[in-house]
């Protein structure tokens, strides 16, 4: 599976956040795995930022650790490139029709 280096870095950073949150709560890998309903190697994969870990598993870890803010950021990214493309297509002027429409039938 090919991932750009920036995407790999983002996964590793997110995995590190999961690891730190788990350690702050003084949970073992086995305890987090039990709460998530997955195996310990799966939690290790999440913490290492392995791209083969399913999104549902990653989201489960974030939710269980109380990192809903991370979920919101991931699910509502700012698409600046897309917004710029749309903004370029907006009309420069908006004109209303000067014709009066008669509602008399």
Protein backbone atom coordinates (compact mmCIF):
# COMPACT_ATOMS: atom_id res chain seq x y z
CA UNK A 1 0.00 0.00 0.00
CA UNK A 2 1.43 3.35 -1.02
CA UNK A 3 0.99 6.32 1.28
CA UNK A 4 2.56 9.72 0.83
CA UNK A 5 5.13 10.47 3.51
CA UNK A 6 2.91 13.21 4.97
CA UNK A 7 0.06 10.69 5.41
CA UNK A 8 2.42 8.19 7.05
CA UNK A 9 3.62 10.90 9.43
CA UNK A 10 0.03 11.85 10.28
CA UNK A 11 -0.83 8.21 11.09
CA UNK A 12 2.25 7.87 13.27
CA UNK A 13 1.40 11.12 15.08
CA UNK A 14 -2.16 9.97 15.67
CA UNK A 15 -0.91 6.61 16.93
CA UNK A 16 1.46 8.39 19.28
CA UNK A 17 -1.46 10.44 20.64
CA UNK A 18 -3.34 7.20 21.33
CA UNK A 19 -0.27 5.77 23.12
CA UNK A 20 0.17 8.89 25.25
CA UNK A 21 -3.53 9.00 26.15
CA UNK A 22 -3.44 5.33 27.17
CA UNK A 23 -0.35 5.85 29.32
CA UNK A 24 -1.83 8.96 30.97
CA UNK A 25 -4.74 6.80 32.06
CA UNK A 26 -2.25 4.19 33.28
CA UNK A 27 -3.87 1.51 31.12
CA UNK A 28 -1.92 -1.40 29.75
CA UNK A 29 -2.18 -2.34 26.10
CA UNK A 30 -4.22 -5.36 27.18
CA UNK A 31 -6.67 -3.15 29.12
CA UNK A 32 -7.26 -0.85 26.15
CA UNK A 33 -7.60 -3.86 23.86
CA UNK A 34 -10.23 -5.33 26.19
CA UNK A 35 -12.20 -2.09 26.26
CA UNK A 36 -12.07 -1.92 22.45
CA UNK A 37 -12.87 -5.60 21.95
CA UNK A 38 -9.71 -6.23 19.91
CA UNK A 39 -6.40 -8.01 20.43
CA UNK A 40 -3.28 -6.48 21.97
CA UNK A 41 -1.39 -6.65 18.63
CA UNK A 42 -4.18 -4.56 17.08
CA UNK A 43 -3.73 -1.86 19.72
CA UNK A 44 0.02 -1.96 19.10
CA UNK A 45 -0.72 -1.43 15.40
CA UNK A 46 -2.91 1.58 16.23
CA UNK A 47 -0.19 3.06 18.44
CA UNK A 48 2.45 2.50 15.77
CA UNK A 49 0.28 4.21 13.16
CA UNK A 50 0.18 1.17 10.91
CA UNK A 51 -1.88 2.00 7.79
CA UNK A 52 -3.39 -1.50 7.72
CA UNK A 53 -5.39 -0.88 10.92
CA UNK A 54 -9.06 -0.35 10.12
CA UNK A 55 -10.61 3.08 10.50
CA UNK A 56 -13.30 1.72 12.81
CA UNK A 57 -10.65 0.38 15.15
CA UNK A 58 -8.78 3.69 15.17
CA UNK A 59 -12.00 5.61 15.83
CA UNK A 60 -12.90 3.19 18.61
CA UNK A 61 -9.57 3.82 20.33
CA UNK A 62 -9.97 7.59 20.06
CA UNK A 63 -13.53 7.46 21.41
CA UNK A 64 -12.69 5.16 24.33
CA UNK A 65 -9.79 7.43 25.28
CA UNK A 66 -12.05 10.49 25.18
CA UNK A 67 -10.37 12.05 22.18
CA UNK A 68 -13.61 13.01 20.41
CA UNK A 69 -11.95 16.25 19.32
CA UNK A 70 -9.61 14.18 17.17
CA UNK A 71 -12.60 12.43 15.62
CA UNK A 72 -14.25 15.75 14.82
CA UNK A 73 -11.08 17.11 13.27
CA UNK A 74 -10.72 14.03 11.12
CA UNK A 75 -14.35 13.96 10.02
CA UNK A 76 -14.59 17.70 9.29
CA UNK A 77 -11.34 18.71 7.64
CA UNK A 78 -10.87 22.09 6.06
CA UNK A 79 -10.67 21.46 2.34
CA UNK A 80 -8.94 24.67 1.37
CA UNK A 81 -8.01 23.43 -2.09
CA UNK A 82 -11.59 22.37 -2.82
CA UNK A 83 -12.97 25.63 -1.47
CA UNK A 84 -10.59 27.61 -3.67
CA UNK A 85 -11.65 25.63 -6.74
CA UNK A 86 -15.32 26.29 -6.03
CA UNK A 87 -14.69 29.96 -5.28
CA UNK A 88 -12.99 30.40 -8.66
CA UNK A 89 -16.18 29.23 -10.37
CA UNK A 90 -18.46 31.67 -8.57
CA UNK A 91 -19.84 34.40 -10.81
CA UNK A 92 -18.16 37.77 -10.52
CA UNK A 93 -21.54 39.53 -10.51
CA UNK A 94 -25.02 38.40 -9.69
CA UNK A 95 -27.76 40.24 -11.54
CA UNK A 96 -31.44 40.04 -10.94
CA UNK A 97 -33.76 40.04 -13.89
CA UNK A 98 -35.21 43.45 -14.62
CA UNK A 99 -38.37 41.86 -16.02
CA UNK A 100 -41.33 41.90 -13.68
CA UNK A 101 -43.09 38.62 -13.42
CA UNK A 102 -46.84 38.84 -13.39
CA UNK A 103 -48.61 36.56 -10.99
CA UNK A 104 -51.99 37.29 -12.58
CA UNK A 105 -53.33 34.22 -14.34
